[in-house]
Amino acid sequence: MATEQKHSNYLSEAESRLHQLSIEKLRVAVVFLAYLQETEENEVTEKLLLNIPSFAEYFREIEQNEDKLENTASNQIASDEEVWQTYLASKQKWQEVYRRLADS
């Protein structure tokens, strides 16, 4: 119960302080809060994953395999023209899907 009360007090104080900030400073505060939240989520995820037996070893193995793939000659980047043509073909297919949905 004491922890919940502290949490509530901190939230109230934070809200009070946020109401006093200019819009620019409020934007910075929101970005900072998002950073803190993401960091906390990543830490929790990392702890959970590291508790899985052999996960760290498996992850290192995957990273090594990715490094090997990046260094192979067969890993070529598509040309801009190929990418553009693929995009146009994909866009055309989605437009057809949208037309069919609209007609149904």
PDB file of N, CA and C in Angstrom:
ATOM      1  N   MET A   1       0.824  -1.196   0.000  1.00  0.00           N
ATOM      2  CA  MET A   1       0.000   0.000   0.000  1.00  0.00           C
ATOM      3  C   MET A   1       0.863   1.253   0.000  1.00  0.00           C
ATOM      4  N   ALA A   2       1.972   1.232   0.753  1.00  0.00           N
ATOM      5  CA  ALA A   2       2.848   2.391   0.821  1.00  0.00           C
ATOM      6  C   ALA A   2       3.466   2.683  -0.548  1.00  0.00           C
ATOM      7  N   THR A   3       3.796   1.646  -1.293  1.00  0.00           N
ATOM      8  CA  THR A   3       4.373   1.822  -2.619  1.00  0.00           C
ATOM      9  C   THR A   3       3.366   2.471  -3.563  1.00  0.00           C
ATOM     10  N   GLU A   4       2.113   2.035  -3.486  1.00  0.00           N
ATOM     11  CA  GLU A   4       1.066   2.621  -4.322  1.00  0.00           C
ATOM     12  C   GLU A   4       0.863   4.094  -3.986  1.00  0.00           C
ATOM     13  N   GLN A   5       0.950   4.434  -2.720  1.00  0.00           N
ATOM     14  CA  GLN A   5       0.788   5.823  -2.298  1.00  0.00           C
ATOM     15  C   GLN A   5       1.938   6.681  -2.828  1.00  0.00           C
ATOM     16  N   LYS A   6       3.171   6.161  -2.736  1.00  0.00           N
ATOM     17  CA  LYS A   6       4.322   6.897  -3.264  1.00  0.00           C
ATOM     18  C   LYS A   6       4.164   7.108  -4.771  1.00  0.00           C
ATOM     19  N   HIS A   7       3.729   6.050  -5.456  1.00  0.00           N
ATOM     20  CA  HIS A   7       3.523   6.125  -6.900  1.00  0.00           C
ATOM     21  C   HIS A   7       2.505   7.212  -7.225  1.00  0.00           C
ATOM     22  N   SER A   8       1.417   7.223  -6.509  1.00  0.00           N
ATOM     23  CA  SER A   8       0.367   8.219  -6.709  1.00  0.00           C
ATOM     24  C   SER A   8       0.881   9.630  -6.427  1.00  0.00           C
ATOM     25  N   ASN A   9       1.677   9.784  -5.369  1.00  0.00           N
ATOM     26  CA  ASN A   9       2.240  11.093  -5.034  1.00  0.00           C
ATOM     27  C   ASN A   9       3.174  11.590  -6.143  1.00  0.00           C
ATOM     28  N   TYR A  10       4.016  10.690  -6.652  1.00  0.00           N
ATOM     29  CA  TYR A  10       4.925  11.071  -7.729  1.00  0.00           C
ATOM     30  C   TYR A  10       4.161  11.481  -8.989  1.00  0.00           C
ATOM     31  N   LEU A  11       3.115  10.738  -9.295  1.00  0.00           N
ATOM     32  CA  LEU A  11       2.310  11.080 -10.469  1.00  0.00           C
ATOM     33  C   LEU A  11       1.658  12.442 -10.313  1.00  0.00           C
ATOM     34  N   SER A  12       1.144  12.712  -9.129  1.00  0.00           N
ATOM     35  CA  SER A  12       0.514  14.013  -8.877  1.00  0.00           C
ATOM     36  C   SER A  12       1.527  15.140  -8.995  1.00  0.00           C
ATOM     37  N   GLU A  13       2.701  14.948  -8.424  1.00  0.00           N
ATOM     38  CA  GLU A  13       3.735  15.977  -8.506  1.00  0.00           C
ATOM     39  C   GLU A  13       4.178  16.192  -9.948  1.00  0.00           C
ATOM     40  N   ALA A  14       4.355  15.097 -10.694  1.00  0.00           N
ATOM     41  CA  ALA A  14       4.763  15.201 -12.096  1.00  0.00           C
ATOM     42  C   ALA A  14       3.713  15.952 -12.904  1.00  0.00           C
ATOM     43  N   GLU A  15       2.456  15.606 -12.686  1.00  0.00           N
ATOM     44  CA  GLU A  15       1.375  16.276 -13.417  1.00  0.00           C
ATOM     45  C   GLU A  15       1.348  17.770 -13.102  1.00  0.00           C
ATOM     46  N   SER A  16       1.508  18.108 -11.838  1.00  0.00           N
ATOM     47  CA  SER A  16       1.526  19.512 -11.434  1.00  0.00           C
ATOM     48  C   SER A  16       2.661  20.266 -12.115  1.00  0.00           C
ATOM     49  N   ARG A  17       3.827  19.653 -12.140  1.00  0.00           N
ATOM     50  CA  ARG A  17       4.985  20.298 -12.770  1.00  0.00           C
ATOM     51  C   ARG A  17       4.808  20.401 -14.288  1.00  0.00           C
ATOM     52  N   LEU A  18       4.246  19.382 -14.900  1.00  0.00           N
ATOM     53  CA  LEU A  18       4.032  19.403 -16.347  1.00  0.00           C
ATOM     54  C   LEU A  18       3.076  20.530 -16.755  1.00  0.00           C
ATOM     55  N   HIS A  19       2.069  20.794 -15.933  1.00  0.00           N
ATOM     56  CA  HIS A  19       1.116  21.858 -16.239  1.00  0.00           C
ATOM     57  C   HIS A  19       1.780  23.238 -16.228  1.00  0.00           C
ATOM     58  N   GLN A  20       2.901  23.353 -15.567  1.00  0.00           N
ATOM     59  CA  GLN A  20       3.578  24.650 -15.442  1.00  0.00           C
ATOM     60  C   GLN A  20       4.592  24.904 -16.556  1.00  0.00           C
ATOM     61  N   LEU A  21       4.848  23.934 -17.375  1.00  0.00           N
ATOM     62  CA  LEU A  21       5.867  24.056 -18.423  1.00  0.00           C
ATOM     63  C   LEU A  21       5.320  24.730 -19.673  1.00  0.00           C
ATOM     64  N   SER A  22       6.226  25.400 -20.406  1.00  0.00           N
ATOM     65  CA  SER A  22       5.873  25.938 -21.719  1.00  0.00           C
ATOM     66  C   SER A  22       5.704  24.751 -22.671  1.00  0.00           C
ATOM     67  N   ILE A  23       5.102  25.008 -23.822  1.00  0.00           N
ATOM     68  CA  ILE A  23       4.850  23.930 -24.781  1.00  0.00           C
ATOM     69  C   ILE A  23       6.155  23.293 -25.263  1.00  0.00           C
ATOM     70  N   GLU A  24       7.207  24.107 -25.426  1.00  0.00           N
ATOM     71  CA  GLU A  24       8.490  23.574 -25.877  1.00  0.00           C
ATOM     72  C   GLU A  24       9.099  22.651 -24.828  1.00  0.00           C
ATOM     73  N   LYS A  25       9.050  23.092 -23.579  1.00  0.00           N
ATOM     74  CA  LYS A  25       9.616  22.282 -22.493  1.00  0.00           C
ATOM     75  C   LYS A  25       8.763  21.036 -22.260  1.00  0.00           C
ATOM     76  N   LEU A  26       7.465  21.164 -22.456  1.00  0.00           N
ATOM     77  CA  LEU A  26       6.577  20.009 -22.300  1.00  0.00           C
ATOM     78  C   LEU A  26       6.902  18.954 -23.354  1.00  0.00           C
ATOM     79  N   ARG A  27       7.198  19.399 -24.575  1.00  0.00           N
ATOM     80  CA  ARG A  27       7.571  18.461 -25.637  1.00  0.00           C
ATOM     81  C   ARG A  27       8.856  17.722 -25.268  1.00  0.00           C
ATOM     82  N   VAL A  28       9.832  18.444 -24.712  1.00  0.00           N
ATOM     83  CA  VAL A  28      11.090  17.822 -24.292  1.00  0.00           C
ATOM     84  C   VAL A  28      10.819  16.810 -23.186  1.00  0.00           C
ATOM     85  N   ALA A  29       9.938  17.167 -22.251  1.00  0.00           N
ATOM     86  CA  ALA A  29       9.613  16.258 -21.144  1.00  0.00           C
ATOM     87  C   ALA A  29       8.966  14.981 -21.666  1.00  0.00           C
ATOM     88  N   VAL A  30       8.091  15.114 -22.633  1.00  0.00           N
ATOM     89  CA  VAL A  30       7.419  13.938 -23.195  1.00  0.00           C
ATOM     90  C   VAL A  30       8.428  13.030 -23.889  1.00  0.00           C
ATOM     91  N   VAL A  31       9.349  13.621 -24.638  1.00  0.00           N
ATOM     92  CA  VAL A  31      10.376  12.828 -25.317  1.00  0.00           C
ATOM     93  C   VAL A  31      11.246  12.112 -24.288  1.00  0.00           C
ATOM     94  N   PHE A  32      11.601  12.823 -23.220  1.00  0.00           N
ATOM     95  CA  PHE A  32      12.422  12.222 -22.175  1.00  0.00           C
ATOM     96  C   PHE A  32      11.673  11.086 -21.479  1.00  0.00           C
ATOM     97  N   LEU A  33      10.391  11.283 -21.192  1.00  0.00           N
ATOM     98  CA  LEU A  33       9.592  10.228 -20.567  1.00  0.00           C
ATOM     99  C   LEU A  33       9.500   9.001 -21.479  1.00  0.00           C
ATOM    100  N   ALA A  34       9.349   9.230 -22.766  1.00  0.00           N
ATOM    101  CA  ALA A  34       9.295   8.112 -23.718  1.00  0.00           C
ATOM    102  C   ALA A  34      10.616   7.353 -23.711  1.00  0.00           C
ATOM    103  N   TYR A  35      11.719   8.099 -23.636  1.00  0.00           N
ATOM    104  CA  TYR A  35      13.040   7.461 -23.566  1.00  0.00           C
ATOM    105  C   TYR A  35      13.153   6.598 -22.307  1.00  0.00           C
ATOM    106  N   LEU A  36      12.727   7.147 -21.169  1.00  0.00           N
ATOM    107  CA  LEU A  36      12.792   6.392 -19.915  1.00  0.00           C
ATOM    108  C   LEU A  36      11.939   5.124 -19.976  1.00  0.00           C
ATOM    109  N   GLN A  37      10.752   5.257 -20.546  1.00  0.00           N
ATOM    110  CA  GLN A  37       9.857   4.102 -20.658  1.00  0.00           C
ATOM    111  C   GLN A  37      10.467   3.027 -21.554  1.00  0.00           C
ATOM    112  N   GLU A  38      11.015   3.433 -22.690  1.00  0.00           N
ATOM    113  CA  GLU A  38      11.622   2.470 -23.606  1.00  0.00           C
ATOM    114  C   GLU A  38      12.817   1.782 -22.955  1.00  0.00           C
ATOM    115  N   THR A  39      13.620   2.551 -22.232  1.00  0.00           N
ATOM    116  CA  THR A  39      14.776   1.981 -21.546  1.00  0.00           C
ATOM    117  C   THR A  39      14.340   0.942 -20.526  1.00  0.00           C
ATOM    118  N   GLU A  40      13.298   1.271 -19.769  1.00  0.00           N
ATOM    119  CA  GLU A  40      12.795   0.334 -18.757  1.00  0.00           C
ATOM    120  C   GLU A  40      12.255  -0.934 -19.408  1.00  0.00           C
ATOM    121  N   GLU A  41      11.509  -0.777 -20.500  1.00  0.00           N
ATOM    122  CA  GLU A  41      10.973  -1.943 -21.202  1.00  0.00           C
ATOM    123  C   GLU A  41      12.095  -2.811 -21.745  1.00  0.00           C
ATOM    124  N   ASN A  42      13.130  -2.169 -22.281  1.00  0.00           N
ATOM    125  CA  ASN A  42      14.263  -2.935 -22.812  1.00  0.00           C
ATOM    126  C   ASN A  42      14.991  -3.690 -21.708  1.00  0.00           C
ATOM    127  N   GLU A  43      15.135  -3.062 -20.544  1.00  0.00           N
ATOM    128  CA  GLU A  43      15.797  -3.726 -19.422  1.00  0.00           C
ATOM    129  C   GLU A  43      14.999  -4.944 -18.964  1.00  0.00           C
ATOM    130  N   VAL A  44      13.688  -4.799 -18.880  1.00  0.00           N
ATOM    131  CA  VAL A  44      12.838  -5.917 -18.461  1.00  0.00           C
ATOM    132  C   VAL A  44      12.917  -7.040 -19.484  1.00  0.00           C
ATOM    133  N   THR A  45      12.840  -6.671 -20.760  1.00  0.00           N
ATOM    134  CA  THR A  45      12.917  -7.678 -21.821  1.00  0.00           C
ATOM    135  C   THR A  45      14.256  -8.410 -21.779  1.00  0.00           C
ATOM    136  N   GLU A  46      15.322  -7.641 -21.597  1.00  0.00           N
ATOM    137  CA  GLU A  46      16.652  -8.246 -21.542  1.00  0.00           C
ATOM    138  C   GLU A  46      16.762  -9.223 -20.379  1.00  0.00           C
ATOM    139  N   LYS A  47      16.257  -8.841 -19.212  1.00  0.00           N
ATOM    140  CA  LYS A  47      16.308  -9.737 -18.048  1.00  0.00           C
ATOM    141  C   LYS A  47      15.520 -11.011 -18.303  1.00  0.00           C
ATOM    142  N   LEU A  48      14.342 -10.859 -18.922  1.00  0.00           N
ATOM    143  CA  LEU A  48      13.522 -12.039 -19.215  1.00  0.00           C
ATOM    144  C   LEU A  48      14.225 -12.967 -20.197  1.00  0.00           C
ATOM    145  N   LEU A  49      14.793 -12.377 -21.241  1.00  0.00           N
ATOM    146  CA  LEU A  49      15.452 -13.195 -22.253  1.00  0.00           C
ATOM    147  C   LEU A  49      16.690 -13.889 -21.704  1.00  0.00           C
ATOM    148  N   LEU A  50      17.429 -13.186 -20.862  1.00  0.00           N
ATOM    149  CA  LEU A  50      18.648 -13.786 -20.313  1.00  0.00           C
ATOM    150  C   LEU A  50      18.340 -14.903 -19.317  1.00  0.00           C
ATOM    151  N   ASN A  51      17.118 -14.960 -18.828  1.00  0.00           N
ATOM    152  CA  ASN A  51      16.723 -16.052 -17.939  1.00  0.00           C
ATOM    153  C   ASN A  51      16.370 -17.322 -18.704  1.00  0.00           C
ATOM    154  N   ILE A  52      16.223 -17.209 -20.013  1.00  0.00           N
ATOM    155  CA  ILE A  52      15.950 -18.387 -20.841  1.00  0.00           C
ATOM    156  C   ILE A  52      17.266 -19.141 -21.000  1.00  0.00           C
ATOM    157  N   PRO A  53      17.279 -20.434 -20.670  1.00  0.00           N
ATOM    158  CA  PRO A  53      18.518 -21.209 -20.780  1.00  0.00           C
ATOM    159  C   PRO A  53      19.118 -21.138 -22.185  1.00  0.00           C
ATOM    160  N   SER A  54      20.391 -20.870 -22.244  1.00  0.00           N
ATOM    161  CA  SER A  54      21.179 -20.835 -23.490  1.00  0.00           C
ATOM    162  C   SER A  54      20.799 -19.701 -24.434  1.00  0.00           C
ATOM    163  N   PHE A  55      19.972 -18.742 -23.981  1.00  0.00           N
ATOM    164  CA  PHE A  55      19.561 -17.671 -24.889  1.00  0.00           C
ATOM    165  C   PHE A  55      20.746 -16.810 -25.310  1.00  0.00           C
ATOM    166  N   ALA A  56      21.582 -16.408 -24.358  1.00  0.00           N
ATOM    167  CA  ALA A  56      22.719 -15.535 -24.672  1.00  0.00           C
ATOM    168  C   ALA A  56      23.623 -16.187 -25.709  1.00  0.00           C
ATOM    169  N   GLU A  57      23.875 -17.477 -25.531  1.00  0.00           N
ATOM    170  CA  GLU A  57      24.730 -18.208 -26.481  1.00  0.00           C
ATOM    171  C   GLU A  57      24.074 -18.257 -27.865  1.00  0.00           C
ATOM    172  N   TYR A  58      22.775 -18.540 -27.893  1.00  0.00           N
ATOM    173  CA  TYR A  58      22.032 -18.616 -29.146  1.00  0.00           C
ATOM    174  C   TYR A  58      22.034 -17.255 -29.848  1.00  0.00           C
ATOM    175  N   PHE A  59      21.841 -16.178 -29.085  1.00  0.00           N
ATOM    176  CA  PHE A  59      21.817 -14.836 -29.645  1.00  0.00           C
ATOM    177  C   PHE A  59      23.179 -14.475 -30.251  1.00  0.00           C
ATOM    178  N   ARG A  60      24.264 -14.787 -29.545  1.00  0.00           N
ATOM    179  CA  ARG A  60      25.604 -14.518 -30.067  1.00  0.00           C
ATOM    180  C   ARG A  60      25.846 -15.272 -31.373  1.00  0.00           C
ATOM    181  N   GLU A  61      25.349 -16.492 -31.430  1.00  0.00           N
ATOM    182  CA  GLU A  61      25.497 -17.308 -32.632  1.00  0.00           C
ATOM    183  C   GLU A  61      24.759 -16.665 -33.810  1.00  0.00           C
ATOM    184  N   ILE A  62      23.573 -16.155 -33.563  1.00  0.00           N
ATOM    185  CA  ILE A  62      22.804 -15.485 -34.617  1.00  0.00           C
ATOM    186  C   ILE A  62      23.540 -14.246 -35.101  1.00  0.00           C
ATOM    187  N   GLU A  63      24.060 -13.451 -34.175  1.00  0.00           N
ATOM    188  CA  GLU A  63      24.807 -12.251 -34.554  1.00  0.00           C
ATOM    189  C   GLU A  63      26.018 -12.598 -35.417  1.00  0.00           C
ATOM    190  N   GLN A  64      26.724 -13.670 -35.064  1.00  0.00           N
ATOM    191  CA  GLN A  64      27.889 -14.087 -35.844  1.00  0.00           C
ATOM    192  C   GLN A  64      27.473 -14.507 -37.248  1.00  0.00           C
ATOM    193  N   ASN A  65      26.354 -15.219 -37.352  1.00  0.00           N
ATOM    194  CA  ASN A  65      25.868 -15.639 -38.664  1.00  0.00           C
ATOM    195  C   ASN A  65      25.465 -14.438 -39.511  1.00  0.00           C
ATOM    196  N   GLU A  66      24.864 -13.420 -38.883  1.00  0.00           N
ATOM    197  CA  GLU A  66      24.496 -12.213 -39.618  1.00  0.00           C
ATOM    198  C   GLU A  66      25.738 -11.505 -40.136  1.00  0.00           C
ATOM    199  N   ASP A  67      26.781 -11.450 -39.307  1.00  0.00           N
ATOM    200  CA  ASP A  67      28.034 -10.827 -39.743  1.00  0.00           C
ATOM    201  C   ASP A  67      28.600 -11.555 -40.948  1.00  0.00           C
ATOM    202  N   LYS A  68      28.531 -12.866 -40.928  1.00  0.00           N
ATOM    203  CA  LYS A  68      29.042 -13.650 -42.051  1.00  0.00           C
ATOM    204  C   LYS A  68      28.240 -13.362 -43.315  1.00  0.00           C
ATOM    205  N   LEU A  69      26.906 -13.254 -43.177  1.00  0.00           N
ATOM    206  CA  LEU A  69      26.071 -12.980 -44.345  1.00  0.00           C
ATOM    207  C   LEU A  69      26.355 -11.602 -44.922  1.00  0.00           C
ATOM    208  N   GLU A  70      26.585 -10.624 -44.060  1.00  0.00           N
ATOM    209  CA  GLU A  70      26.854  -9.272 -44.538  1.00  0.00           C
ATOM    210  C   GLU A  70      28.155  -9.200 -45.319  1.00  0.00           C
ATOM    211  N   ASN A  71      29.078 -10.090 -45.033  1.00  0.00           N
ATOM    212  CA  ASN A  71      30.377 -10.053 -45.677  1.00  0.00           C
ATOM    213  C   ASN A  71      30.478 -10.935 -46.920  1.00  0.00           C
ATOM    214  N   THR A  72      29.395 -11.575 -47.330  1.00  0.00           N
ATOM    215  CA  THR A  72      29.453 -12.431 -48.514  1.00  0.00           C
ATOM    216  C   THR A  72      29.224 -11.612 -49.771  1.00  0.00           C
ATOM    217  N   ALA A  73      29.810 -12.041 -50.851  1.00  0.00           N
ATOM    218  CA  ALA A  73      29.699 -11.329 -52.125  1.00  0.00           C
ATOM    219  C   ALA A  73      28.301 -11.477 -52.719  1.00  0.00           C
ATOM    220  N   SER A  74      27.590 -12.541 -52.351  1.00  0.00           N
ATOM    221  CA  SER A  74      26.266 -12.770 -52.932  1.00  0.00           C
ATOM    222  C   SER A  74      25.202 -11.853 -52.343  1.00  0.00           C
ATOM    223  N   ASN A  75      25.534 -11.141 -51.294  1.00  0.00           N
ATOM    224  CA  ASN A  75      24.575 -10.237 -50.663  1.00  0.00           C
ATOM    225  C   ASN A  75      24.640  -8.882 -51.361  1.00  0.00           C
ATOM    226  N   GLN A  76      23.935  -8.769 -52.491  1.00  0.00           N
ATOM    227  CA  GLN A  76      23.974  -7.546 -53.285  1.00  0.00           C
ATOM    228  C   GLN A  76      22.727  -6.711 -53.033  1.00  0.00           C
ATOM    229  N   ILE A  77      22.886  -5.403 -53.156  1.00  0.00           N
ATOM    230  CA  ILE A  77      21.774  -4.484 -52.957  1.00  0.00           C
ATOM    231  C   ILE A  77      21.076  -4.281 -54.300  1.00  0.00           C
ATOM    232  N   ALA A  78      19.755  -4.293 -54.274  1.00  0.00           N
ATOM    233  CA  ALA A  78      18.997  -4.092 -55.502  1.00  0.00           C
ATOM    234  C   ALA A  78      19.205  -2.669 -56.014  1.00  0.00           C
ATOM    235  N   SER A  79      19.123  -2.524 -57.304  1.00  0.00           N
ATOM    236  CA  SER A  79      19.280  -1.188 -57.887  1.00  0.00           C
ATOM    237  C   SER A  79      18.030  -0.360 -57.601  1.00  0.00           C
ATOM    238  N   ASP A  80      18.169   0.951 -57.718  1.00  0.00           N
ATOM    239  CA  ASP A  80      17.041   1.846 -57.494  1.00  0.00           C
ATOM    240  C   ASP A  80      15.888   1.522 -58.436  1.00  0.00           C
ATOM    241  N   GLU A  81      16.206   1.192 -59.669  1.00  0.00           N
ATOM    242  CA  GLU A  81      15.172   0.880 -60.660  1.00  0.00           C
ATOM    243  C   GLU A  81      14.394  -0.377 -60.256  1.00  0.00           C
ATOM    244  N   GLU A  82      15.094  -1.395 -59.782  1.00  0.00           N
ATOM    245  CA  GLU A  82      14.424  -2.631 -59.337  1.00  0.00           C
ATOM    246  C   GLU A  82      13.500  -2.348 -58.158  1.00  0.00           C
ATOM    247  N   VAL A  83      13.978  -1.558 -57.239  1.00  0.00           N
ATOM    248  CA  VAL A  83      13.170  -1.214 -56.068  1.00  0.00           C
ATOM    249  C   VAL A  83      11.936  -0.433 -56.495  1.00  0.00           C
ATOM    250  N   TRP A  84      12.122   0.525 -57.404  1.00  0.00           N
ATOM    251  CA  TRP A  84      11.005   1.352 -57.869  1.00  0.00           C
ATOM    252  C   TRP A  84       9.960   0.494 -58.590  1.00  0.00           C
ATOM    253  N   GLN A  85      10.389  -0.407 -59.436  1.00  0.00           N
ATOM    254  CA  GLN A  85       9.461  -1.267 -60.164  1.00  0.00           C
ATOM    255  C   GLN A  85       8.695  -2.187 -59.209  1.00  0.00           C
ATOM    256  N   THR A  86       9.384  -2.701 -58.232  1.00  0.00           N
ATOM    257  CA  THR A  86       8.729  -3.556 -57.240  1.00  0.00           C
ATOM    258  C   THR A  86       7.702  -2.761 -56.449  1.00  0.00           C
ATOM    259  N   TYR A  87       8.064  -1.548 -56.075  1.00  0.00           N
ATOM    260  CA  TYR A  87       7.129  -0.678 -55.355  1.00  0.00           C
ATOM    261  C   TYR A  87       5.883  -0.407 -56.185  1.00  0.00           C
ATOM    262  N   LEU A  88       6.068  -0.071 -57.476  1.00  0.00           N
ATOM    263  CA  LEU A  88       4.924   0.220 -58.332  1.00  0.00           C
ATOM    264  C   LEU A  88       4.016  -0.995 -58.493  1.00  0.00           C
ATOM    265  N   ALA A  89       4.620  -2.167 -58.647  1.00  0.00           N
ATOM    266  CA  ALA A  89       3.827  -3.391 -58.780  1.00  0.00           C
ATOM    267  C   ALA A  89       3.039  -3.661 -57.503  1.00  0.00           C
ATOM    268  N   SER A  90       3.676  -3.458 -56.366  1.00  0.00           N
ATOM    269  CA  SER A  90       3.007  -3.665 -55.088  1.00  0.00           C
ATOM    270  C   SER A  90       1.870  -2.668 -54.907  1.00  0.00           C
ATOM    271  N   LYS A  91       2.135  -1.417 -55.264  1.00  0.00           N
ATOM    272  CA  LYS A  91       1.115  -0.371 -55.136  1.00  0.00           C
ATOM    273  C   LYS A  91      -0.095  -0.704 -56.002  1.00  0.00           C
ATOM    274  N   GLN A  92       0.164  -1.189 -57.207  1.00  0.00           N
ATOM    275  CA  GLN A  92      -0.903  -1.541 -58.128  1.00  0.00           C
ATOM    276  C   GLN A  92      -1.758  -2.684 -57.557  1.00  0.00           C
ATOM    277  N   LYS A  93      -1.110  -3.679 -56.956  1.00  0.00           N
ATOM    278  CA  LYS A  93      -1.849  -4.794 -56.368  1.00  0.00           C
ATOM    279  C   LYS A  93      -2.725  -4.316 -55.217  1.00  0.00           C
ATOM    280  N   TRP A  94      -2.189  -3.427 -54.369  1.00  0.00           N
ATOM    281  CA  TRP A  94      -2.973  -2.925 -53.243  1.00  0.00           C
ATOM    282  C   TRP A  94      -4.146  -2.068 -53.719  1.00  0.00           C
ATOM    283  N   GLN A  95      -3.952  -1.298 -54.785  1.00  0.00           N
ATOM    284  CA  GLN A  95      -5.057  -0.499 -55.324  1.00  0.00           C
ATOM    285  C   GLN A  95      -6.182  -1.398 -55.802  1.00  0.00           C
ATOM    286  N   GLU A  96      -5.817  -2.523 -56.403  1.00  0.00           N
ATOM    287  CA  GLU A  96      -6.823  -3.489 -56.843  1.00  0.00           C
ATOM    288  C   GLU A  96      -7.571  -4.067 -55.640  1.00  0.00           C
ATOM    289  N   VAL A  97      -6.837  -4.377 -54.588  1.00  0.00           N
ATOM    290  CA  VAL A  97      -7.473  -4.896 -53.373  1.00  0.00           C
ATOM    291  C   VAL A  97      -8.449  -3.867 -52.817  1.00  0.00           C
ATOM    292  N   TYR A  98      -8.029  -2.599 -52.764  1.00  0.00           N
ATOM    293  CA  TYR A  98      -8.908  -1.547 -52.237  1.00  0.00           C
ATOM    294  C   TYR A  98     -10.158  -1.371 -53.108  1.00  0.00           C
ATOM    295  N   ARG A  99      -9.973  -1.472 -54.436  1.00  0.00           N
ATOM    296  CA  ARG A  99     -11.132  -1.356 -55.332  1.00  0.00           C
ATOM    297  C   ARG A  99     -12.116  -2.493 -55.074  1.00  0.00           C
ATOM    298  N   ARG A 100     -11.612  -3.697 -54.932  1.00  0.00           N
ATOM    299  CA  ARG A 100     -12.483  -4.839 -54.688  1.00  0.00           C
ATOM    300  C   ARG A 100     -13.225  -4.703 -53.344  1.00  0.00           C
ATOM    301  N   LEU A 101     -12.519  -4.208 -52.333  1.00  0.00           N
ATOM    302  CA  LEU A 101     -13.159  -3.990 -51.041  1.00  0.00           C
ATOM    303  C   LEU A 101     -14.247  -2.930 -51.138  1.00  0.00           C
ATOM    304  N   ALA A 102     -13.973  -1.875 -51.868  1.00  0.00           N
ATOM    305  CA  ALA A 102     -14.938  -0.801 -52.016  1.00  0.00           C
ATOM    306  C   ALA A 102     -16.172  -1.287 -52.774  1.00  0.00           C
ATOM    307  N   ASP A 103     -15.975  -2.173 -53.740  1.00  0.00           N
ATOM    308  CA  ASP A 103     -17.082  -2.692 -54.527  1.00  0.00           C
ATOM    309  C   ASP A 103     -17.926  -3.713 -53.768  1.00  0.00           C
ATOM    310  N   SER A 104     -17.361  -4.316 -52.748  1.00  0.00           N
ATOM    311  CA  SER A 104     -18.112  -5.364 -52.045  1.00  0.00           C
ATOM    312  C   SER A 104     -19.034  -4.803 -50.993  1.00  0.00           C
TER     313      SER A 104
END
